Amino acid sequence: ISTDGVLEANEFSLNIARDLQHQVWGQGFSEPLFEGDFRV
């Protein structure tokens, strides 16, 4: 599972989510995935 790393606090952003959503992702240009530690 390949990720694009850990997000900084200021990168958990609705605007960034919108920017990513409007890009074309798919085979060979995979949607960005991130990783991190969380408490449920």
PDB file of all heavy atoms in Angstrom:
ATOM      1  N   ILE A   1       0.870  -1.176   0.000  1.00  0.00           N
ATOM      2  CA  ILE A   1       0.000   0.000   0.000  1.00  0.00           C
ATOM      3  C   ILE A   1       0.904   1.222   0.000  1.00  0.00           C
ATOM      4  O   ILE A   1       1.644   1.462   0.965  1.00  0.00           O
ATOM      5  CB  ILE A   1      -0.930   0.009   1.224  1.00  0.00           C
ATOM      6  CG1 ILE A   1      -1.777  -1.263   1.254  1.00  0.00           C
ATOM      7  CG2 ILE A   1      -1.811   1.246   1.218  1.00  0.00           C
ATOM      8  CD1 ILE A   1      -2.589  -1.427   2.526  1.00  0.00           C
ATOM      9  N   SER A   2       0.890   1.971  -1.077  1.00  0.00           N
ATOM     10  CA  SER A   2       1.759   3.136  -1.211  1.00  0.00           C
ATOM     11  C   SER A   2       1.021   4.392  -0.769  1.00  0.00           C
ATOM     12  O   SER A   2      -0.113   4.637  -1.191  1.00  0.00           O
ATOM     13  CB  SER A   2       2.224   3.293  -2.658  1.00  0.00           C
ATOM     14  OG  SER A   2       2.960   2.156  -3.073  1.00  0.00           O
ATOM     15  N   THR A   3       1.669   5.168   0.070  1.00  0.00           N
ATOM     16  CA  THR A   3       1.058   6.413   0.552  1.00  0.00           C
ATOM     17  C   THR A   3       1.929   7.607   0.171  1.00  0.00           C
ATOM     18  O   THR A   3       3.088   7.453  -0.236  1.00  0.00           O
ATOM     19  CB  THR A   3       0.872   6.404   2.086  1.00  0.00           C
ATOM     20  OG1 THR A   3       2.131   6.689   2.717  1.00  0.00           O
ATOM     21  CG2 THR A   3       0.338   5.066   2.575  1.00  0.00           C
ATOM     22  N   ASP A   4       1.351   8.773   0.344  1.00  0.00           N
ATOM     23  CA  ASP A   4       2.077  10.023   0.117  1.00  0.00           C
ATOM     24  C   ASP A   4       2.528  10.641   1.437  1.00  0.00           C
ATOM     25  O   ASP A   4       2.730  11.850   1.531  1.00  0.00           O
ATOM     26  CB  ASP A   4       1.201  10.993  -0.675  1.00  0.00           C
ATOM     27  CG  ASP A   4       0.957  10.494  -2.090  1.00  0.00           C
ATOM     28  OD1 ASP A   4       1.867  10.614  -2.922  1.00  0.00           O
ATOM     29  OD2 ASP A   4      -0.127   9.946  -2.355  1.00  0.00           O
ATOM     30  N   GLY A   5       2.674   9.778   2.449  1.00  0.00           N
ATOM     31  CA  GLY A   5       3.257  10.220   3.698  1.00  0.00           C
ATOM     32  C   GLY A   5       2.255  10.728   4.707  1.00  0.00           C
ATOM     33  O   GLY A   5       1.045  10.487   4.615  1.00  0.00           O
ATOM     34  N   VAL A   6       2.773  11.454   5.681  1.00  0.00           N
ATOM     35  CA  VAL A   6       1.983  11.973   6.798  1.00  0.00           C
ATOM     36  C   VAL A   6       1.643  13.429   6.534  1.00  0.00           C
ATOM     37  O   VAL A   6       2.491  14.205   6.074  1.00  0.00           O
ATOM     38  CB  VAL A   6       2.781  11.838   8.114  1.00  0.00           C
ATOM     39  CG1 VAL A   6       2.008  12.430   9.280  1.00  0.00           C
ATOM     40  CG2 VAL A   6       3.126  10.380   8.376  1.00  0.00           C
ATOM     41  N   LEU A   7       0.420  13.819   6.819  1.00  0.00           N
ATOM     42  CA  LEU A   7      -0.013  15.204   6.634  1.00  0.00           C
ATOM     43  C   LEU A   7       0.338  16.055   7.846  1.00  0.00           C
ATOM     44  O   LEU A   7       0.244  15.605   8.995  1.00  0.00           O
ATOM     45  CB  LEU A   7      -1.519  15.270   6.400  1.00  0.00           C
ATOM     46  CG  LEU A   7      -2.047  14.727   5.069  1.00  0.00           C
ATOM     47  CD1 LEU A   7      -3.567  14.847   5.018  1.00  0.00           C
ATOM     48  CD2 LEU A   7      -1.418  15.448   3.882  1.00  0.00           C
ATOM     49  N   GLU A   8       0.732  17.285   7.576  1.00  0.00           N
ATOM     50  CA  GLU A   8       0.877  18.261   8.649  1.00  0.00           C
ATOM     51  C   GLU A   8      -0.512  18.708   9.089  1.00  0.00           C
ATOM     52  O   GLU A   8      -1.501  18.553   8.348  1.00  0.00           O
ATOM     53  CB  GLU A   8       1.683  19.463   8.158  1.00  0.00           C
ATOM     54  CG  GLU A   8       3.085  19.142   7.672  1.00  0.00           C
ATOM     55  CD  GLU A   8       3.996  18.690   8.792  1.00  0.00           C
ATOM     56  OE1 GLU A   8       3.706  19.021   9.969  1.00  0.00           O
ATOM     57  OE2 GLU A   8       4.991  17.999   8.509  1.00  0.00           O
ATOM     58  N   ALA A   9      -0.593  19.294  10.282  1.00  0.00           N
ATOM     59  CA  ALA A   9      -1.894  19.702  10.825  1.00  0.00           C
ATOM     60  C   ALA A   9      -2.628  20.644   9.878  1.00  0.00           C
ATOM     61  O   ALA A   9      -3.851  20.532   9.680  1.00  0.00           O
ATOM     62  CB  ALA A   9      -1.700  20.352  12.197  1.00  0.00           C
ATOM     63  N   ASN A  10      -1.902  21.584   9.256  1.00  0.00           N
ATOM     64  CA  ASN A  10      -2.566  22.557   8.382  1.00  0.00           C
ATOM     65  C   ASN A  10      -2.961  21.968   7.032  1.00  0.00           C
ATOM     66  O   ASN A  10      -3.625  22.628   6.233  1.00  0.00           O
ATOM     67  CB  ASN A  10      -1.665  23.778   8.174  1.00  0.00           C
ATOM     68  CG  ASN A  10      -0.399  23.443   7.397  1.00  0.00           C
ATOM     69  OD1 ASN A  10       0.068  22.308   7.418  1.00  0.00           O
ATOM     70  ND2 ASN A  10       0.156  24.433   6.721  1.00  0.00           N
ATOM     71  N   GLU A  11      -2.548  20.710   6.763  1.00  0.00           N
ATOM     72  CA  GLU A  11      -2.898  20.082   5.493  1.00  0.00           C
ATOM     73  C   GLU A  11      -4.184  19.262   5.590  1.00  0.00           C
ATOM     74  O   GLU A  11      -4.668  18.767   4.568  1.00  0.00           O
ATOM     75  CB  GLU A  11      -1.739  19.215   5.012  1.00  0.00           C
ATOM     76  CG  GLU A  11      -0.518  20.056   4.625  1.00  0.00           C
ATOM     77  CD  GLU A  11       0.716  19.225   4.331  1.00  0.00           C
ATOM     78  OE1 GLU A  11       0.830  18.092   4.867  1.00  0.00           O
ATOM     79  OE2 GLU A  11       1.591  19.711   3.577  1.00  0.00           O
ATOM     80  N   PHE A  12      -4.731  19.114   6.799  1.00  0.00           N
ATOM     81  CA  PHE A  12      -6.066  18.534   6.940  1.00  0.00           C
ATOM     82  C   PHE A  12      -7.066  19.641   6.621  1.00  0.00           C
ATOM     83  O   PHE A  12      -7.676  20.253   7.508  1.00  0.00           O
ATOM     84  CB  PHE A  12      -6.278  18.010   8.358  1.00  0.00           C
ATOM     85  CG  PHE A  12      -5.550  16.742   8.652  1.00  0.00           C
ATOM     86  CD1 PHE A  12      -4.266  16.764   9.172  1.00  0.00           C
ATOM     87  CD2 PHE A  12      -6.145  15.512   8.403  1.00  0.00           C
ATOM     88  CE1 PHE A  12      -3.590  15.581   9.451  1.00  0.00           C
ATOM     89  CE2 PHE A  12      -5.479  14.319   8.684  1.00  0.00           C
ATOM     90  CZ  PHE A  12      -4.192  14.359   9.208  1.00  0.00           C
ATOM     91  N   SER A  13      -7.226  19.920   5.351  1.00  0.00           N
ATOM     92  CA  SER A  13      -7.927  21.121   4.908  1.00  0.00           C
ATOM     93  C   SER A  13      -9.030  20.775   3.919  1.00  0.00           C
ATOM     94  O   SER A  13      -8.830  19.964   3.005  1.00  0.00           O
ATOM     95  CB  SER A  13      -6.914  22.075   4.255  1.00  0.00           C
ATOM     96  OG  SER A  13      -7.513  22.974   3.377  1.00  0.00           O
ATOM     97  N   LEU A  14     -10.179  21.420   4.076  1.00  0.00           N
ATOM     98  CA  LEU A  14     -11.285  21.241   3.139  1.00  0.00           C
ATOM     99  C   LEU A  14     -10.889  21.733   1.756  1.00  0.00           C
ATOM    100  O   LEU A  14     -11.240  21.121   0.743  1.00  0.00           O
ATOM    101  CB  LEU A  14     -12.525  21.984   3.652  1.00  0.00           C
ATOM    102  CG  LEU A  14     -13.819  21.802   2.844  1.00  0.00           C
ATOM    103  CD1 LEU A  14     -14.235  20.341   2.812  1.00  0.00           C
ATOM    104  CD2 LEU A  14     -14.932  22.667   3.448  1.00  0.00           C
ATOM    105  N   ASN A  15     -10.126  22.821   1.696  1.00  0.00           N
ATOM    106  CA  ASN A  15      -9.709  23.342   0.392  1.00  0.00           C
ATOM    107  C   ASN A  15      -8.775  22.367  -0.315  1.00  0.00           C
ATOM    108  O   ASN A  15      -8.880  22.169  -1.534  1.00  0.00           O
ATOM    109  CB  ASN A  15      -9.014  24.698   0.565  1.00  0.00           C
ATOM    110  CG  ASN A  15      -9.993  25.809   0.898  1.00  0.00           C
ATOM    111  OD1 ASN A  15     -11.178  25.722   0.561  1.00  0.00           O
ATOM    112  ND2 ASN A  15      -9.515  26.846   1.568  1.00  0.00           N
ATOM    113  N   ILE A  16      -7.862  21.760   0.449  1.00  0.00           N
ATOM    114  CA  ILE A  16      -6.965  20.772  -0.167  1.00  0.00           C
ATOM    115  C   ILE A  16      -7.769  19.573  -0.643  1.00  0.00           C
ATOM    116  O   ILE A  16      -7.533  19.037  -1.738  1.00  0.00           O
ATOM    117  CB  ILE A  16      -5.869  20.350   0.829  1.00  0.00           C
ATOM    118  CG1 ILE A  16      -4.891  21.503   1.028  1.00  0.00           C
ATOM    119  CG2 ILE A  16      -5.143  19.097   0.338  1.00  0.00           C
ATOM    120  CD1 ILE A  16      -3.808  21.234   2.054  1.00  0.00           C
ATOM    121  N   ALA A  17      -8.738  19.141   0.158  1.00  0.00           N
ATOM    122  CA  ALA A  17      -9.588  18.016  -0.256  1.00  0.00           C
ATOM    123  C   ALA A  17     -10.310  18.342  -1.554  1.00  0.00           C
ATOM    124  O   ALA A  17     -10.433  17.492  -2.448  1.00  0.00           O
ATOM    125  CB  ALA A  17     -10.586  17.685   0.842  1.00  0.00           C
ATOM    126  N   ARG A  18     -10.791  19.586  -1.673  1.00  0.00           N
ATOM    127  CA  ARG A  18     -11.478  19.994  -2.910  1.00  0.00           C
ATOM    128  C   ARG A  18     -10.508  19.999  -4.089  1.00  0.00           C
ATOM    129  O   ARG A  18     -10.854  19.561  -5.196  1.00  0.00           O
ATOM    130  CB  ARG A  18     -12.100  21.381  -2.729  1.00  0.00           C
ATOM    131  CG  ARG A  18     -13.398  21.378  -1.930  1.00  0.00           C
ATOM    132  CD  ARG A  18     -14.165  22.672  -2.186  1.00  0.00           C
ATOM    133  NE  ARG A  18     -15.488  22.646  -1.578  1.00  0.00           N
ATOM    134  CZ  ARG A  18     -15.846  23.309  -0.489  1.00  0.00           C
ATOM    135  NH1 ARG A  18     -14.942  24.069   0.137  1.00  0.00           N
ATOM    136  NH2 ARG A  18     -17.065  23.238  -0.011  1.00  0.00           N
ATOM    137  N   ASP A  19      -9.305  20.520  -3.878  1.00  0.00           N
ATOM    138  CA  ASP A  19      -8.320  20.544  -4.968  1.00  0.00           C
ATOM    139  C   ASP A  19      -8.024  19.126  -5.457  1.00  0.00           C
ATOM    140  O   ASP A  19      -7.949  18.875  -6.666  1.00  0.00           O
ATOM    141  CB  ASP A  19      -7.021  21.193  -4.482  1.00  0.00           C
ATOM    142  CG  ASP A  19      -7.146  22.703  -4.316  1.00  0.00           C
ATOM    143  OD1 ASP A  19      -8.110  23.275  -4.847  1.00  0.00           O
ATOM    144  OD2 ASP A  19      -6.278  23.282  -3.629  1.00  0.00           O
ATOM    145  N   LEU A  20      -7.862  18.210  -4.530  1.00  0.00           N
ATOM    146  CA  LEU A  20      -7.574  16.828  -4.911  1.00  0.00           C
ATOM    147  C   LEU A  20      -8.762  16.177  -5.602  1.00  0.00           C
ATOM    148  O   LEU A  20      -8.602  15.387  -6.540  1.00  0.00           O
ATOM    149  CB  LEU A  20      -7.174  16.018  -3.674  1.00  0.00           C
ATOM    150  CG  LEU A  20      -5.873  16.441  -2.972  1.00  0.00           C
ATOM    151  CD1 LEU A  20      -5.644  15.596  -1.720  1.00  0.00           C
ATOM    152  CD2 LEU A  20      -4.685  16.329  -3.918  1.00  0.00           C
ATOM    153  N   GLN A  21      -9.964  16.504  -5.145  1.00  0.00           N
ATOM    154  CA  GLN A  21     -11.169  15.883  -5.689  1.00  0.00           C
ATOM    155  C   GLN A  21     -11.364  16.234  -7.152  1.00  0.00           C
ATOM    156  O   GLN A  21     -11.914  15.438  -7.921  1.00  0.00           O
ATOM    157  CB  GLN A  21     -12.383  16.341  -4.870  1.00  0.00           C
ATOM    158  CG  GLN A  21     -13.703  15.721  -5.305  1.00  0.00           C
ATOM    159  CD  GLN A  21     -14.838  16.085  -4.364  1.00  0.00           C
ATOM    160  OE1 GLN A  21     -14.954  15.546  -3.285  1.00  0.00           O
ATOM    161  NE2 GLN A  21     -15.652  17.042  -4.765  1.00  0.00           N
ATOM    162  N   HIS A  22     -10.926  17.418  -7.560  1.00  0.00           N
ATOM    163  CA  HIS A  22     -11.185  17.852  -8.928  1.00  0.00           C
ATOM    164  C   HIS A  22     -10.076  17.454  -9.902  1.00  0.00           C
ATOM    165  O   HIS A  22     -10.166  17.754 -11.082  1.00  0.00           O
ATOM    166  CB  HIS A  22     -11.419  19.368  -8.967  1.00  0.00           C
ATOM    167  CG  HIS A  22     -12.785  19.761  -8.507  1.00  0.00           C
ATOM    168  ND1 HIS A  22     -13.092  20.012  -7.189  1.00  0.00           N
ATOM    169  CD2 HIS A  22     -13.956  19.897  -9.182  1.00  0.00           C
ATOM    170  CE1 HIS A  22     -14.379  20.312  -7.073  1.00  0.00           C
ATOM    171  NE2 HIS A  22     -14.925  20.233  -8.265  1.00  0.00           N
ATOM    172  N   GLN A  23      -9.049  16.786  -9.410  1.00  0.00           N
ATOM    173  CA  GLN A  23      -8.042  16.236 -10.309  1.00  0.00           C
ATOM    174  C   GLN A  23      -8.528  14.881 -10.825  1.00  0.00           C
ATOM    175  O   GLN A  23      -9.391  14.246 -10.210  1.00  0.00           O
ATOM    176  CB  GLN A  23      -6.710  16.084  -9.562  1.00  0.00           C
ATOM    177  CG  GLN A  23      -5.582  15.470 -10.350  1.00  0.00           C
ATOM    178  CD  GLN A  23      -5.248  16.203 -11.646  1.00  0.00           C
ATOM    179  OE1 GLN A  23      -5.796  15.865 -12.692  1.00  0.00           O
ATOM    180  NE2 GLN A  23      -4.382  17.188 -11.565  1.00  0.00           N
ATOM    181  N   VAL A  24      -8.005  14.472 -11.956  1.00  0.00           N
ATOM    182  CA  VAL A  24      -8.347  13.169 -12.517  1.00  0.00           C
ATOM    183  C   VAL A  24      -7.377  12.130 -11.954  1.00  0.00           C
ATOM    184  O   VAL A  24      -6.175  12.177 -12.217  1.00  0.00           O
ATOM    185  CB  VAL A  24      -8.262  13.185 -14.058  1.00  0.00           C
ATOM    186  CG1 VAL A  24      -8.458  11.791 -14.611  1.00  0.00           C
ATOM    187  CG2 VAL A  24      -9.308  14.131 -14.634  1.00  0.00           C
ATOM    188  N   TRP A  25      -7.910  11.197 -11.165  1.00  0.00           N
ATOM    189  CA  TRP A  25      -7.107  10.109 -10.608  1.00  0.00           C
ATOM    190  C   TRP A  25      -7.588   8.780 -11.175  1.00  0.00           C
ATOM    191  O   TRP A  25      -8.755   8.638 -11.534  1.00  0.00           O
ATOM    192  CB  TRP A  25      -7.207  10.067  -9.082  1.00  0.00           C
ATOM    193  CG  TRP A  25      -6.946  11.374  -8.408  1.00  0.00           C
ATOM    194  CD1 TRP A  25      -7.865  12.196  -7.822  1.00  0.00           C
ATOM    195  CD2 TRP A  25      -5.681  12.036  -8.248  1.00  0.00           C
ATOM    196  NE1 TRP A  25      -7.258  13.319  -7.315  1.00  0.00           N
ATOM    197  CE2 TRP A  25      -5.914  13.245  -7.555  1.00  0.00           C
ATOM    198  CE3 TRP A  25      -4.377  11.702  -8.620  1.00  0.00           C
ATOM    199  CZ2 TRP A  25      -4.893  14.123  -7.236  1.00  0.00           C
ATOM    200  CZ3 TRP A  25      -3.351  12.595  -8.300  1.00  0.00           C
ATOM    201  CH2 TRP A  25      -3.616  13.790  -7.616  1.00  0.00           C
ATOM    202  N   GLY A  26      -6.710   7.822 -11.210  1.00  0.00           N
ATOM    203  CA  GLY A  26      -7.105   6.500 -11.689  1.00  0.00           C
ATOM    204  C   GLY A  26      -5.878   5.649 -11.949  1.00  0.00           C
ATOM    205  O   GLY A  26      -4.805   5.870 -11.383  1.00  0.00           O
ATOM    206  N   GLN A  27      -6.043   4.668 -12.836  1.00  0.00           N
ATOM    207  CA  GLN A  27      -4.964   3.735 -13.148  1.00  0.00           C
ATOM    208  C   GLN A  27      -3.717   4.483 -13.607  1.00  0.00           C
ATOM    209  O   GLN A  27      -3.766   5.297 -14.527  1.00  0.00           O
ATOM    210  CB  GLN A  27      -5.423   2.759 -14.236  1.00  0.00           C
ATOM    211  CG  GLN A  27      -4.416   1.701 -14.602  1.00  0.00           C
ATOM    212  CD  GLN A  27      -4.237   0.677 -13.493  1.00  0.00           C
ATOM    213  OE1 GLN A  27      -5.098   0.496 -12.662  1.00  0.00           O
ATOM    214  NE2 GLN A  27      -3.100   0.007 -13.497  1.00  0.00           N
ATOM    215  N   GLY A  28      -2.578   4.222 -12.967  1.00  0.00           N
ATOM    216  CA  GLY A  28      -1.331   4.853 -13.362  1.00  0.00           C
ATOM    217  C   GLY A  28      -1.174   6.274 -12.874  1.00  0.00           C
ATOM    218  O   GLY A  28      -0.117   6.894 -13.085  1.00  0.00           O
ATOM    219  N   PHE A  29      -2.194   6.832 -12.249  1.00  0.00           N
ATOM    220  CA  PHE A  29      -2.124   8.186 -11.677  1.00  0.00           C
ATOM    221  C   PHE A  29      -3.007   8.148 -10.435  1.00  0.00           C
ATOM    222  O   PHE A  29      -4.058   8.767 -10.362  1.00  0.00           O
ATOM    223  CB  PHE A  29      -2.636   9.221 -12.688  1.00  0.00           C
ATOM    224  CG  PHE A  29      -2.134  10.619 -12.438  1.00  0.00           C
ATOM    225  CD1 PHE A  29      -0.828  10.962 -12.737  1.00  0.00           C
ATOM    226  CD2 PHE A  29      -2.961  11.584 -11.906  1.00  0.00           C
ATOM    227  CE1 PHE A  29      -0.362  12.254 -12.512  1.00  0.00           C
ATOM    228  CE2 PHE A  29      -2.510  12.875 -11.677  1.00  0.00           C
ATOM    229  CZ  PHE A  29      -1.199  13.208 -11.988  1.00  0.00           C
ATOM    230  N   SER A  30      -2.544   7.363  -9.463  1.00  0.00           N
ATOM    231  CA  SER A  30      -3.402   6.954  -8.360  1.00  0.00           C
ATOM    232  C   SER A  30      -3.765   8.095  -7.423  1.00  0.00           C
ATOM    233  O   SER A  30      -2.982   9.025  -7.202  1.00  0.00           O
ATOM    234  CB  SER A  30      -2.731   5.824  -7.572  1.00  0.00           C
ATOM    235  OG  SER A  30      -1.454   6.227  -7.151  1.00  0.00           O
ATOM    236  N   GLU A  31      -4.964   7.974  -6.879  1.00  0.00           N
ATOM    237  CA  GLU A  31      -5.449   8.955  -5.916  1.00  0.00           C
ATOM    238  C   GLU A  31      -4.505   9.011  -4.723  1.00  0.00           C
ATOM    239  O   GLU A  31      -4.051   7.984  -4.231  1.00  0.00           O
ATOM    240  CB  GLU A  31      -6.852   8.554  -5.446  1.00  0.00           C
ATOM    241  CG  GLU A  31      -7.446   9.481  -4.409  1.00  0.00           C
ATOM    242  CD  GLU A  31      -8.750   8.975  -3.837  1.00  0.00           C
ATOM    243  OE1 GLU A  31      -9.068   7.783  -4.054  1.00  0.00           O
ATOM    244  OE2 GLU A  31      -9.449   9.755  -3.170  1.00  0.00           O
ATOM    245  N   PRO A  32      -4.199  10.208  -4.214  1.00  0.00           N
ATOM    246  CA  PRO A  32      -3.302  10.325  -3.061  1.00  0.00           C
ATOM    247  C   PRO A  32      -3.874   9.644  -1.816  1.00  0.00           C
ATOM    248  O   PRO A  32      -5.053   9.812  -1.491  1.00  0.00           O
ATOM    249  CB  PRO A  32      -3.185  11.832  -2.849  1.00  0.00           C
ATOM    250  CG  PRO A  32      -3.546  12.447  -4.152  1.00  0.00           C
ATOM    251  CD  PRO A  32      -4.570  11.531  -4.750  1.00  0.00           C
ATOM    252  N   LEU A  33      -3.035   8.865  -1.169  1.00  0.00           N
ATOM    253  CA  LEU A  33      -3.359   8.257   0.121  1.00  0.00           C
ATOM    254  C   LEU A  33      -2.335   8.732   1.143  1.00  0.00           C
ATOM    255  O   LEU A  33      -1.152   8.904   0.806  1.00  0.00           O
ATOM    256  CB  LEU A  33      -3.321   6.732   0.032  1.00  0.00           C
ATOM    257  CG  LEU A  33      -4.334   6.055  -0.888  1.00  0.00           C
ATOM    258  CD1 LEU A  33      -4.084   4.542  -0.909  1.00  0.00           C
ATOM    259  CD2 LEU A  33      -5.755   6.348  -0.445  1.00  0.00           C
ATOM    260  N   PHE A  34      -2.790   8.933   2.351  1.00  0.00           N
ATOM    261  CA  PHE A  34      -1.916   9.397   3.418  1.00  0.00           C
ATOM    262  C   PHE A  34      -1.981   8.404   4.575  1.00  0.00           C
ATOM    263  O   PHE A  34      -2.840   7.525   4.608  1.00  0.00           O
ATOM    264  CB  PHE A  34      -2.331  10.793   3.865  1.00  0.00           C
ATOM    265  CG  PHE A  34      -2.466  11.767   2.720  1.00  0.00           C
ATOM    266  CD1 PHE A  34      -3.717  12.084   2.188  1.00  0.00           C
ATOM    267  CD2 PHE A  34      -1.333  12.321   2.144  1.00  0.00           C
ATOM    268  CE1 PHE A  34      -3.840  12.956   1.118  1.00  0.00           C
ATOM    269  CE2 PHE A  34      -1.448  13.198   1.063  1.00  0.00           C
ATOM    270  CZ  PHE A  34      -2.700  13.515   0.552  1.00  0.00           C
ATOM    271  N   GLU A  35      -1.063   8.542   5.501  1.00  0.00           N
ATOM    272  CA  GLU A  35      -1.050   7.629   6.644  1.00  0.00           C
ATOM    273  C   GLU A  35      -0.794   8.404   7.933  1.00  0.00           C
ATOM    274  O   GLU A  35      -0.241   9.514   7.913  1.00  0.00           O
ATOM    275  CB  GLU A  35       0.005   6.549   6.465  1.00  0.00           C
ATOM    276  CG  GLU A  35       1.435   7.063   6.364  1.00  0.00           C
ATOM    277  CD  GLU A  35       2.435   5.931   6.215  1.00  0.00           C
ATOM    278  OE1 GLU A  35       2.625   5.200   7.213  1.00  0.00           O
ATOM    279  OE2 GLU A  35       3.016   5.788   5.117  1.00  0.00           O
ATOM    280  N   GLY A  36      -1.224   7.820   9.034  1.00  0.00           N
ATOM    281  CA  GLY A  36      -0.992   8.464  10.317  1.00  0.00           C
ATOM    282  C   GLY A  36      -1.557   7.651  11.459  1.00  0.00           C
ATOM    283  O   GLY A  36      -2.325   6.698  11.253  1.00  0.00           O
ATOM    284  N   ASP A  37      -1.157   8.022  12.690  1.00  0.00           N
ATOM    285  CA  ASP A  37      -1.630   7.358  13.899  1.00  0.00           C
ATOM    286  C   ASP A  37      -2.814   8.125  14.477  1.00  0.00           C
ATOM    287  O   ASP A  37      -2.771   9.362  14.606  1.00  0.00           O
ATOM    288  CB  ASP A  37      -0.499   7.281  14.931  1.00  0.00           C
ATOM    289  CG  ASP A  37       0.646   6.391  14.463  1.00  0.00           C
ATOM    290  OD1 ASP A  37       0.344   5.329  13.883  1.00  0.00           O
ATOM    291  OD2 ASP A  37       1.815   6.762  14.668  1.00  0.00           O
ATOM    292  N   PHE A  38      -3.861   7.394  14.838  1.00  0.00           N
ATOM    293  CA  PHE A  38      -5.078   8.012  15.378  1.00  0.00           C
ATOM    294  C   PHE A  38      -5.595   7.202  16.561  1.00  0.00           C
ATOM    295  O   PHE A  38      -5.377   5.990  16.657  1.00  0.00           O
ATOM    296  CB  PHE A  38      -6.183   8.055  14.308  1.00  0.00           C
ATOM    297  CG  PHE A  38      -5.840   8.869  13.095  1.00  0.00           C
ATOM    298  CD1 PHE A  38      -5.241   8.280  11.990  1.00  0.00           C
ATOM    299  CD2 PHE A  38      -6.126  10.236  13.061  1.00  0.00           C
ATOM    300  CE1 PHE A  38      -4.924   9.021  10.864  1.00  0.00           C
ATOM    301  CE2 PHE A  38      -5.807  10.992  11.930  1.00  0.00           C
ATOM    302  CZ  PHE A  38      -5.205  10.380  10.839  1.00  0.00           C
ATOM    303  N   ARG A  39      -6.306   7.913  17.405  1.00  0.00           N
ATOM    304  CA  ARG A  39      -7.074   7.258  18.466  1.00  0.00           C
ATOM    305  C   ARG A  39      -8.530   7.254  18.045  1.00  0.00           C
ATOM    306  O   ARG A  39      -9.055   8.264  17.577  1.00  0.00           O
ATOM    307  CB  ARG A  39      -6.899   7.970  19.802  1.00  0.00           C
ATOM    308  CG  ARG A  39      -7.693   7.300  20.923  1.00  0.00           C
ATOM    309  CD  ARG A  39      -7.238   7.697  22.302  1.00  0.00           C
ATOM    310  NE  ARG A  39      -7.979   6.956  23.323  1.00  0.00           N
ATOM    311  CZ  ARG A  39      -7.711   5.724  23.705  1.00  0.00           C
ATOM    312  NH1 ARG A  39      -6.709   5.067  23.149  1.00  0.00           N
ATOM    313  NH2 ARG A  39      -8.419   5.123  24.645  1.00  0.00           N
ATOM    314  N   VAL A  40      -9.186   6.106  18.176  1.00  0.00           N
ATOM    315  CA  VAL A  40     -10.601   5.981  17.805  1.00  0.00           C
ATOM    316  C   VAL A  40     -11.443   6.448  18.994  1.00  0.00           C
ATOM    317  O   VAL A  40     -11.476   5.794  20.041  1.00  0.00           O
ATOM    318  CB  VAL A  40     -10.944   4.527  17.424  1.00  0.00           C
ATOM    319  CG1 VAL A  40     -12.424   4.404  17.089  1.00  0.00           C
ATOM    320  CG2 VAL A  40     -10.081   4.076  16.242  1.00  0.00           C
TER     321      VAL A  40
END
